[in-house]
């Protein structure tokens, strides 16, 4: 069955919608199946803008700033995994930098995940074309089955 489940999170309530489904899935598996859930976050912005009047310039984060961003992401993942841990589920965390969809597919392969469980904003039309769909890219390019959870409507704006 599923011994290693990768759950990409982006820090939003929408992203966390998959956690309840993963918990439910793991709880229904046979007790002898030990499942590890890996909470994963990709930091995709490695630069920020400095604005002076009407001019702006993109400035890369320093190594120290990137380390702080990664620590904040790890702290978030640790907190997000508390509910799973309280049910006796083994939870690990991983933070990467790069393009979200590419890093999710890469992590699923490297970690030998049996399943990727992720939420979708459920965008369509112009909104989907504008923002793209990380979930769609993972579905099309990944080598691992993907459980897609549509976030409840009340979390769509968070």
N, C-alpha and C. Protein backbone atom coordinates (compact mmCIF):
# COMPACT_ATOMS: atom_id res chain seq x y z
N UNK A 1 0.85 -1.19 0.00
CA UNK A 1 0.00 0.00 0.00
C UNK A 1 0.88 1.24 0.00
N UNK A 2 0.49 2.28 0.66
CA UNK A 2 1.24 3.53 0.68
C UNK A 2 2.12 3.60 1.92
N UNK A 3 3.41 3.44 1.74
CA UNK A 3 4.34 3.48 2.86
C UNK A 3 4.98 4.86 3.02
N UNK A 4 5.00 5.65 1.93
CA UNK A 4 5.61 6.98 1.99
C UNK A 4 4.74 7.92 1.16
N UNK A 5 4.15 8.91 1.85
CA UNK A 5 3.25 9.87 1.19
C UNK A 5 3.87 11.25 1.28
N UNK A 6 4.04 11.89 0.13
CA UNK A 6 4.57 13.24 0.05
C UNK A 6 3.40 14.22 -0.01
N UNK A 7 3.41 15.20 0.90
CA UNK A 7 2.33 16.19 0.94
C UNK A 7 2.94 17.58 0.79
N UNK A 8 2.88 18.15 -0.42
CA UNK A 8 3.38 19.50 -0.62
C UNK A 8 2.44 20.52 0.02
N UNK A 9 3.01 21.47 0.76
CA UNK A 9 2.22 22.52 1.40
C UNK A 9 2.81 23.87 1.02
N UNK A 10 1.92 24.85 0.84
CA UNK A 10 2.39 26.18 0.45
C UNK A 10 2.20 27.23 1.55
N UNK A 11 1.77 26.79 2.73
CA UNK A 11 1.58 27.73 3.83
C UNK A 11 0.17 28.27 3.94
N UNK A 12 -0.72 27.86 3.04
CA UNK A 12 -2.10 28.36 3.06
C UNK A 12 -3.04 27.29 3.60
N UNK A 13 -4.24 27.73 3.99
CA UNK A 13 -5.28 26.79 4.43
C UNK A 13 -5.71 25.91 3.25
N UNK A 14 -5.70 26.46 2.06
CA UNK A 14 -6.03 25.67 0.86
C UNK A 14 -5.06 24.51 0.74
N UNK A 15 -3.77 24.81 0.88
CA UNK A 15 -2.76 23.77 0.77
C UNK A 15 -2.91 22.69 1.83
N UNK A 16 -3.36 23.07 3.00
CA UNK A 16 -3.50 22.12 4.10
C UNK A 16 -4.73 21.23 3.99
N UNK A 17 -5.59 21.48 3.03
CA UNK A 17 -6.82 20.69 2.89
C UNK A 17 -6.53 19.20 2.68
N UNK A 18 -5.38 18.87 2.11
CA UNK A 18 -5.05 17.47 1.87
C UNK A 18 -4.70 16.72 3.16
N UNK A 19 -4.31 17.44 4.20
CA UNK A 19 -3.87 16.76 5.44
C UNK A 19 -4.95 15.88 6.05
N UNK A 20 -6.17 16.36 6.10
CA UNK A 20 -7.26 15.57 6.69
C UNK A 20 -7.49 14.29 5.88
N UNK A 21 -7.37 14.37 4.58
CA UNK A 21 -7.57 13.19 3.73
C UNK A 21 -6.42 12.19 3.91
N UNK A 22 -5.21 12.70 4.06
CA UNK A 22 -4.07 11.81 4.31
C UNK A 22 -4.25 11.11 5.64
N UNK A 23 -4.66 11.85 6.66
CA UNK A 23 -4.88 11.25 7.98
C UNK A 23 -5.93 10.15 7.89
N UNK A 24 -7.00 10.41 7.18
CA UNK A 24 -8.08 9.43 7.03
C UNK A 24 -7.58 8.19 6.26
N UNK A 25 -6.82 8.42 5.21
CA UNK A 25 -6.29 7.32 4.41
C UNK A 25 -5.37 6.44 5.25
N UNK A 26 -4.46 7.05 5.98
CA UNK A 26 -3.52 6.29 6.80
C UNK A 26 -4.24 5.52 7.90
N UNK A 27 -5.26 6.12 8.50
CA UNK A 27 -5.98 5.46 9.59
C UNK A 27 -6.75 4.23 9.12
N UNK A 28 -7.07 4.17 7.82
CA UNK A 28 -7.84 3.03 7.30
C UNK A 28 -6.96 1.91 6.77
N UNK A 29 -5.66 2.13 6.78
CA UNK A 29 -4.75 1.08 6.31
C UNK A 29 -4.53 0.06 7.42
N UNK A 30 -4.09 -1.11 7.02
CA UNK A 30 -3.82 -2.18 7.98
C UNK A 30 -2.75 -1.71 8.97
N UNK A 31 -2.90 -2.08 10.24
CA UNK A 31 -1.96 -1.63 11.27
C UNK A 31 -0.51 -2.01 11.01
N UNK A 32 -0.30 -3.11 10.28
CA UNK A 32 1.08 -3.53 10.02
C UNK A 32 1.76 -2.68 8.94
N UNK A 33 0.99 -1.87 8.23
CA UNK A 33 1.57 -0.98 7.23
C UNK A 33 2.00 0.30 7.94
N UNK A 34 3.29 0.49 8.01
CA UNK A 34 3.85 1.69 8.65
C UNK A 34 4.01 2.76 7.58
N UNK A 35 3.26 3.82 7.72
CA UNK A 35 3.27 4.88 6.72
C UNK A 35 4.01 6.10 7.26
N UNK A 36 4.83 6.64 6.40
CA UNK A 36 5.58 7.86 6.71
C UNK A 36 5.01 8.98 5.83
N UNK A 37 4.68 10.09 6.45
CA UNK A 37 4.17 11.25 5.71
C UNK A 37 5.27 12.30 5.70
N UNK A 38 5.60 12.77 4.51
CA UNK A 38 6.64 13.78 4.36
C UNK A 38 5.98 15.08 3.94
N UNK A 39 6.00 16.06 4.83
CA UNK A 39 5.46 17.38 4.52
C UNK A 39 6.57 18.17 3.83
N UNK A 40 6.22 18.79 2.71
CA UNK A 40 7.22 19.37 1.82
C UNK A 40 6.83 20.77 1.41
N UNK A 41 7.78 21.68 1.48
CA UNK A 41 7.51 23.04 1.02
C UNK A 41 8.64 23.49 0.11
N UNK A 42 8.26 24.18 -0.97
CA UNK A 42 9.22 24.71 -1.93
C UNK A 42 9.27 26.22 -1.79
N UNK A 43 10.45 26.72 -1.62
CA UNK A 43 10.65 28.18 -1.60
C UNK A 43 11.03 28.56 -3.02
N UNK A 44 10.15 29.29 -3.68
CA UNK A 44 10.38 29.59 -5.09
C UNK A 44 10.88 31.00 -5.34
N UNK A 45 10.74 31.86 -4.37
CA UNK A 45 11.21 33.23 -4.56
C UNK A 45 12.51 33.41 -3.80
N UNK A 46 13.61 33.56 -4.55
CA UNK A 46 14.92 33.72 -3.93
C UNK A 46 15.43 35.15 -4.06
N UNK A 47 14.52 36.05 -4.35
CA UNK A 47 14.90 37.46 -4.49
C UNK A 47 13.72 38.32 -4.04
N UNK A 48 14.02 39.57 -3.75
CA UNK A 48 12.98 40.53 -3.40
C UNK A 48 13.27 41.83 -4.14
N UNK A 49 12.31 42.71 -4.15
CA UNK A 49 12.46 43.98 -4.87
C UNK A 49 12.72 45.11 -3.90
N UNK A 50 13.65 45.97 -4.26
CA UNK A 50 13.90 47.20 -3.52
C UNK A 50 13.37 48.34 -4.38
N UNK A 51 12.48 49.13 -3.81
CA UNK A 51 11.83 50.20 -4.56
C UNK A 51 12.29 51.54 -4.02
N UNK A 52 12.72 52.41 -4.94
CA UNK A 52 13.13 53.78 -4.59
C UNK A 52 12.42 54.71 -5.57
N UNK A 53 11.39 55.37 -5.09
CA UNK A 53 10.61 56.23 -5.98
C UNK A 53 9.87 55.38 -6.99
N UNK A 54 10.11 55.66 -8.27
CA UNK A 54 9.46 54.89 -9.34
C UNK A 54 10.34 53.76 -9.86
N UNK A 55 11.56 53.69 -9.38
CA UNK A 55 12.48 52.65 -9.82
C UNK A 55 12.46 51.48 -8.85
N UNK A 56 12.68 50.29 -9.40
CA UNK A 56 12.79 49.11 -8.55
C UNK A 56 13.88 48.21 -9.12
N UNK A 57 14.49 47.46 -8.24
CA UNK A 57 15.53 46.53 -8.66
C UNK A 57 15.35 45.23 -7.88
N UNK A 58 15.55 44.11 -8.57
CA UNK A 58 15.44 42.81 -7.93
C UNK A 58 16.78 42.47 -7.27
N UNK A 59 16.73 42.14 -5.99
CA UNK A 59 17.93 41.86 -5.21
C UNK A 59 17.83 40.44 -4.67
N UNK A 60 18.83 39.59 -4.94
CA UNK A 60 18.77 38.23 -4.39
C UNK A 60 18.90 38.25 -2.87
N UNK A 61 18.23 37.30 -2.23
CA UNK A 61 18.38 37.15 -0.78
C UNK A 61 19.80 36.69 -0.48
N UNK A 62 20.30 37.07 0.67
CA UNK A 62 21.61 36.60 1.11
C UNK A 62 21.47 35.16 1.61
N UNK A 63 22.59 34.48 1.77
CA UNK A 63 22.55 33.11 2.31
C UNK A 63 21.90 33.09 3.68
N UNK A 64 22.18 34.11 4.48
CA UNK A 64 21.58 34.19 5.82
C UNK A 64 20.07 34.35 5.74
N UNK A 65 19.60 35.20 4.82
CA UNK A 65 18.15 35.40 4.65
C UNK A 65 17.50 34.12 4.15
N UNK A 66 18.14 33.41 3.22
CA UNK A 66 17.58 32.14 2.72
C UNK A 66 17.51 31.12 3.85
N UNK A 67 18.54 31.08 4.70
CA UNK A 67 18.52 30.16 5.85
C UNK A 67 17.36 30.49 6.78
N UNK A 68 17.08 31.78 6.99
CA UNK A 68 15.95 32.18 7.84
C UNK A 68 14.61 31.78 7.20
N UNK A 69 14.50 31.96 5.90
CA UNK A 69 13.27 31.59 5.18
C UNK A 69 13.06 30.08 5.29
N UNK A 70 14.13 29.31 5.12
CA UNK A 70 14.03 27.85 5.22
C UNK A 70 13.64 27.42 6.64
N UNK A 71 14.19 28.09 7.64
CA UNK A 71 13.85 27.76 9.03
C UNK A 71 12.38 28.05 9.29
N UNK A 72 11.90 29.18 8.79
CA UNK A 72 10.48 29.52 8.96
C UNK A 72 9.60 28.47 8.27
N UNK A 73 10.00 28.03 7.09
CA UNK A 73 9.24 26.99 6.38
C UNK A 73 9.25 25.69 7.17
N UNK A 74 10.40 25.31 7.71
CA UNK A 74 10.50 24.08 8.50
C UNK A 74 9.63 24.16 9.75
N UNK A 75 9.65 25.32 10.42
CA UNK A 75 8.80 25.51 11.60
C UNK A 75 7.33 25.36 11.23
N UNK A 76 6.94 25.94 10.09
CA UNK A 76 5.55 25.82 9.62
C UNK A 76 5.20 24.35 9.38
N UNK A 77 6.08 23.61 8.70
CA UNK A 77 5.81 22.20 8.41
C UNK A 77 5.70 21.39 9.70
N UNK A 78 6.57 21.67 10.66
CA UNK A 78 6.51 20.97 11.95
C UNK A 78 5.16 21.21 12.62
N UNK A 79 4.71 22.45 12.59
CA UNK A 79 3.41 22.78 13.20
C UNK A 79 2.27 22.13 12.43
N UNK A 80 2.34 22.15 11.09
CA UNK A 80 1.29 21.54 10.27
C UNK A 80 1.18 20.04 10.50
N UNK A 81 2.29 19.41 10.88
CA UNK A 81 2.29 17.96 11.10
C UNK A 81 1.85 17.52 12.48
N UNK A 82 1.60 18.46 13.38
CA UNK A 82 1.22 18.10 14.76
C UNK A 82 -0.01 17.21 14.82
N UNK A 83 -1.02 17.52 14.02
CA UNK A 83 -2.25 16.72 14.03
C UNK A 83 -2.00 15.28 13.61
N UNK A 84 -1.17 15.08 12.61
CA UNK A 84 -0.84 13.72 12.16
C UNK A 84 -0.03 12.99 13.22
N UNK A 85 0.95 13.70 13.79
CA UNK A 85 1.78 13.08 14.84
C UNK A 85 0.93 12.66 16.04
N UNK A 86 -0.07 13.47 16.38
CA UNK A 86 -0.92 13.14 17.53
C UNK A 86 -1.72 11.85 17.30
N UNK A 87 -1.85 11.44 16.04
CA UNK A 87 -2.55 10.19 15.71
C UNK A 87 -1.57 9.03 15.57
N UNK A 88 -0.29 9.29 15.90
CA UNK A 88 0.70 8.23 15.84
C UNK A 88 1.33 8.03 14.48
N UNK A 89 1.13 8.95 13.57
CA UNK A 89 1.67 8.86 12.22
C UNK A 89 3.08 9.46 12.22
N UNK A 90 4.01 8.76 11.60
CA UNK A 90 5.38 9.27 11.47
C UNK A 90 5.39 10.39 10.45
N UNK A 91 5.89 11.55 10.86
CA UNK A 91 5.92 12.72 9.98
C UNK A 91 7.35 13.23 9.88
N UNK A 92 7.78 13.46 8.65
CA UNK A 92 9.08 14.09 8.39
C UNK A 92 8.81 15.36 7.60
N UNK A 93 9.79 16.23 7.55
CA UNK A 93 9.63 17.48 6.80
C UNK A 93 10.83 17.68 5.88
N UNK A 94 10.57 18.40 4.80
CA UNK A 94 11.64 18.71 3.84
C UNK A 94 11.32 20.05 3.19
N UNK A 95 12.36 20.87 3.05
CA UNK A 95 12.23 22.17 2.39
C UNK A 95 13.21 22.19 1.22
N UNK A 96 12.76 22.69 0.07
CA UNK A 96 13.61 22.80 -1.11
C UNK A 96 13.44 24.18 -1.72
N UNK A 97 14.33 24.54 -2.60
CA UNK A 97 14.21 25.79 -3.34
C UNK A 97 14.15 25.48 -4.83
N UNK A 98 13.36 26.28 -5.55
CA UNK A 98 13.24 26.08 -6.99
C UNK A 98 11.82 26.31 -7.45
N UNK A 99 11.49 25.75 -8.61
CA UNK A 99 10.14 25.83 -9.16
C UNK A 99 9.30 24.74 -8.51
N UNK A 100 8.15 25.13 -7.98
CA UNK A 100 7.35 24.23 -7.14
C UNK A 100 7.05 22.88 -7.80
N UNK A 101 6.46 22.88 -8.97
CA UNK A 101 6.07 21.61 -9.60
C UNK A 101 7.28 20.72 -9.86
N UNK A 102 8.35 21.30 -10.36
CA UNK A 102 9.55 20.52 -10.65
C UNK A 102 10.14 19.92 -9.38
N UNK A 103 10.16 20.71 -8.30
CA UNK A 103 10.73 20.23 -7.05
C UNK A 103 9.86 19.15 -6.40
N UNK A 104 8.55 19.25 -6.56
CA UNK A 104 7.64 18.23 -6.02
C UNK A 104 7.87 16.90 -6.73
N UNK A 105 7.92 16.94 -8.05
CA UNK A 105 8.16 15.71 -8.83
C UNK A 105 9.53 15.12 -8.48
N UNK A 106 10.53 15.97 -8.38
CA UNK A 106 11.88 15.52 -8.04
C UNK A 106 11.91 14.89 -6.64
N UNK A 107 11.26 15.54 -5.67
CA UNK A 107 11.24 15.01 -4.30
C UNK A 107 10.51 13.67 -4.25
N UNK A 108 9.41 13.55 -4.97
CA UNK A 108 8.65 12.29 -4.98
C UNK A 108 9.54 11.14 -5.48
N UNK A 109 10.33 11.42 -6.51
CA UNK A 109 11.24 10.39 -7.04
C UNK A 109 12.37 10.10 -6.05
N UNK A 110 13.03 11.15 -5.56
CA UNK A 110 14.18 10.97 -4.66
C UNK A 110 13.80 10.30 -3.35
N UNK A 111 12.63 10.64 -2.83
CA UNK A 111 12.18 10.08 -1.55
C UNK A 111 11.46 8.75 -1.70
N UNK A 112 11.31 8.32 -2.95
CA UNK A 112 10.62 7.07 -3.27
C UNK A 112 9.20 7.06 -2.70
N UNK A 113 8.49 8.16 -2.91
CA UNK A 113 7.11 8.27 -2.44
C UNK A 113 6.21 7.32 -3.23
N UNK A 114 5.23 6.77 -2.55
CA UNK A 114 4.23 5.91 -3.19
C UNK A 114 3.03 6.72 -3.65
N UNK A 115 2.89 7.93 -3.08
CA UNK A 115 1.74 8.78 -3.38
C UNK A 115 2.12 10.23 -3.08
N UNK A 116 1.62 11.13 -3.93
CA UNK A 116 1.69 12.56 -3.65
C UNK A 116 0.26 12.99 -3.37
N UNK A 117 0.03 13.62 -2.23
CA UNK A 117 -1.32 14.10 -1.87
C UNK A 117 -1.26 15.61 -1.78
N UNK A 118 -2.02 16.27 -2.64
CA UNK A 118 -1.96 17.73 -2.64
C UNK A 118 -3.32 18.34 -2.92
N UNK A 119 -3.44 19.57 -2.49
CA UNK A 119 -4.68 20.31 -2.65
C UNK A 119 -4.62 21.16 -3.91
N UNK A 120 -5.80 21.52 -4.38
CA UNK A 120 -5.89 22.41 -5.52
C UNK A 120 -6.83 23.55 -5.18
N UNK A 121 -6.54 24.70 -5.76
CA UNK A 121 -7.40 25.87 -5.56
C UNK A 121 -8.69 25.74 -6.37
N UNK A 122 -8.69 24.86 -7.37
CA UNK A 122 -9.88 24.67 -8.19
C UNK A 122 -10.14 25.81 -9.15
N UNK A 123 -9.07 26.48 -9.54
CA UNK A 123 -9.24 27.59 -10.49
C UNK A 123 -9.56 27.05 -11.87
N UNK A 124 -10.23 27.88 -12.65
CA UNK A 124 -10.51 27.52 -14.04
C UNK A 124 -10.48 28.78 -14.88
N UNK A 125 -10.54 28.60 -16.17
CA UNK A 125 -10.61 29.73 -17.10
C UNK A 125 -9.39 30.63 -17.03
N UNK A 126 -9.64 31.95 -17.07
CA UNK A 126 -8.58 32.95 -17.10
C UNK A 126 -7.70 32.85 -15.84
N UNK A 127 -8.31 32.64 -14.69
CA UNK A 127 -7.56 32.56 -13.44
C UNK A 127 -6.53 31.43 -13.51
N UNK A 128 -6.93 30.29 -14.07
CA UNK A 128 -6.00 29.16 -14.17
C UNK A 128 -4.88 29.46 -15.15
N UNK A 129 -5.24 30.11 -16.27
CA UNK A 129 -4.21 30.47 -17.24
C UNK A 129 -3.22 31.47 -16.66
N UNK A 130 -3.72 32.40 -15.87
CA UNK A 130 -2.88 33.43 -15.28
C UNK A 130 -1.95 32.85 -14.22
N UNK A 131 -2.50 32.06 -13.31
CA UNK A 131 -1.72 31.56 -12.19
C UNK A 131 -1.08 30.20 -12.46
N UNK A 132 -1.55 29.50 -13.50
CA UNK A 132 -1.04 28.16 -13.76
C UNK A 132 -1.55 27.19 -12.72
N UNK A 133 -1.17 25.96 -12.84
CA UNK A 133 -1.61 24.97 -11.87
C UNK A 133 -0.44 24.05 -11.54
N UNK A 134 0.07 24.23 -10.35
CA UNK A 134 1.16 23.37 -9.90
C UNK A 134 0.67 21.93 -9.85
N UNK A 135 -0.54 21.74 -9.35
CA UNK A 135 -1.12 20.39 -9.26
C UNK A 135 -1.18 19.76 -10.64
N UNK A 136 -1.64 20.52 -11.64
CA UNK A 136 -1.74 20.01 -13.00
C UNK A 136 -0.37 19.61 -13.53
N UNK A 137 0.64 20.42 -13.27
CA UNK A 137 2.00 20.11 -13.74
C UNK A 137 2.53 18.84 -13.07
N UNK A 138 2.24 18.68 -11.78
CA UNK A 138 2.68 17.47 -11.07
C UNK A 138 1.96 16.25 -11.64
N UNK A 139 0.67 16.38 -11.91
CA UNK A 139 -0.10 15.28 -12.51
C UNK A 139 0.48 14.86 -13.86
N UNK A 140 0.83 15.85 -14.69
CA UNK A 140 1.29 15.56 -16.05
C UNK A 140 2.73 15.09 -16.12
N UNK A 141 3.58 15.51 -15.19
CA UNK A 141 5.01 15.20 -15.33
C UNK A 141 5.54 14.21 -14.30
N UNK A 142 4.77 13.93 -13.27
CA UNK A 142 5.25 13.05 -12.21
C UNK A 142 5.16 11.58 -12.56
N UNK A 143 5.88 10.79 -11.78
CA UNK A 143 5.92 9.33 -11.97
C UNK A 143 5.20 8.58 -10.86
N UNK A 144 4.53 9.33 -9.98
CA UNK A 144 3.91 8.76 -8.78
C UNK A 144 2.42 9.10 -8.82
N UNK A 145 1.55 8.20 -8.35
CA UNK A 145 0.12 8.55 -8.28
C UNK A 145 -0.09 9.81 -7.44
N UNK A 146 -1.08 10.60 -7.83
CA UNK A 146 -1.37 11.86 -7.15
C UNK A 146 -2.82 11.86 -6.67
N UNK A 147 -2.99 12.09 -5.38
CA UNK A 147 -4.32 12.29 -4.79
C UNK A 147 -4.55 13.79 -4.78
N UNK A 148 -5.55 14.25 -5.52
CA UNK A 148 -5.84 15.68 -5.60
C UNK A 148 -7.09 15.96 -4.77
N UNK A 149 -6.95 16.90 -3.84
CA UNK A 149 -8.04 17.28 -2.96
C UNK A 149 -8.43 18.71 -3.28
N UNK A 150 -9.69 18.92 -3.61
CA UNK A 150 -10.15 20.28 -3.84
C UNK A 150 -10.43 20.90 -2.48
N UNK A 151 -9.85 22.07 -2.27
CA UNK A 151 -10.04 22.77 -1.00
C UNK A 151 -11.48 23.22 -0.86
N UNK A 152 -12.01 23.18 0.36
CA UNK A 152 -13.37 23.68 0.57
C UNK A 152 -13.47 25.15 0.16
N UNK A 153 -14.64 25.55 -0.29
CA UNK A 153 -14.86 26.92 -0.76
C UNK A 153 -14.51 27.97 0.28
N UNK A 154 -14.74 27.67 1.56
CA UNK A 154 -14.48 28.67 2.60
C UNK A 154 -12.99 28.93 2.84
N UNK A 155 -12.10 28.10 2.26
CA UNK A 155 -10.66 28.34 2.40
C UNK A 155 -10.05 28.89 1.11
N UNK A 156 -10.84 29.07 0.10
CA UNK A 156 -10.31 29.44 -1.22
C UNK A 156 -9.58 30.77 -1.22
N UNK A 157 -9.87 31.68 -0.33
CA UNK A 157 -9.21 32.98 -0.34
C UNK A 157 -8.14 33.13 0.72
N UNK A 158 -7.74 32.03 1.36
CA UNK A 158 -6.72 32.14 2.41
C UNK A 158 -5.43 31.51 1.99
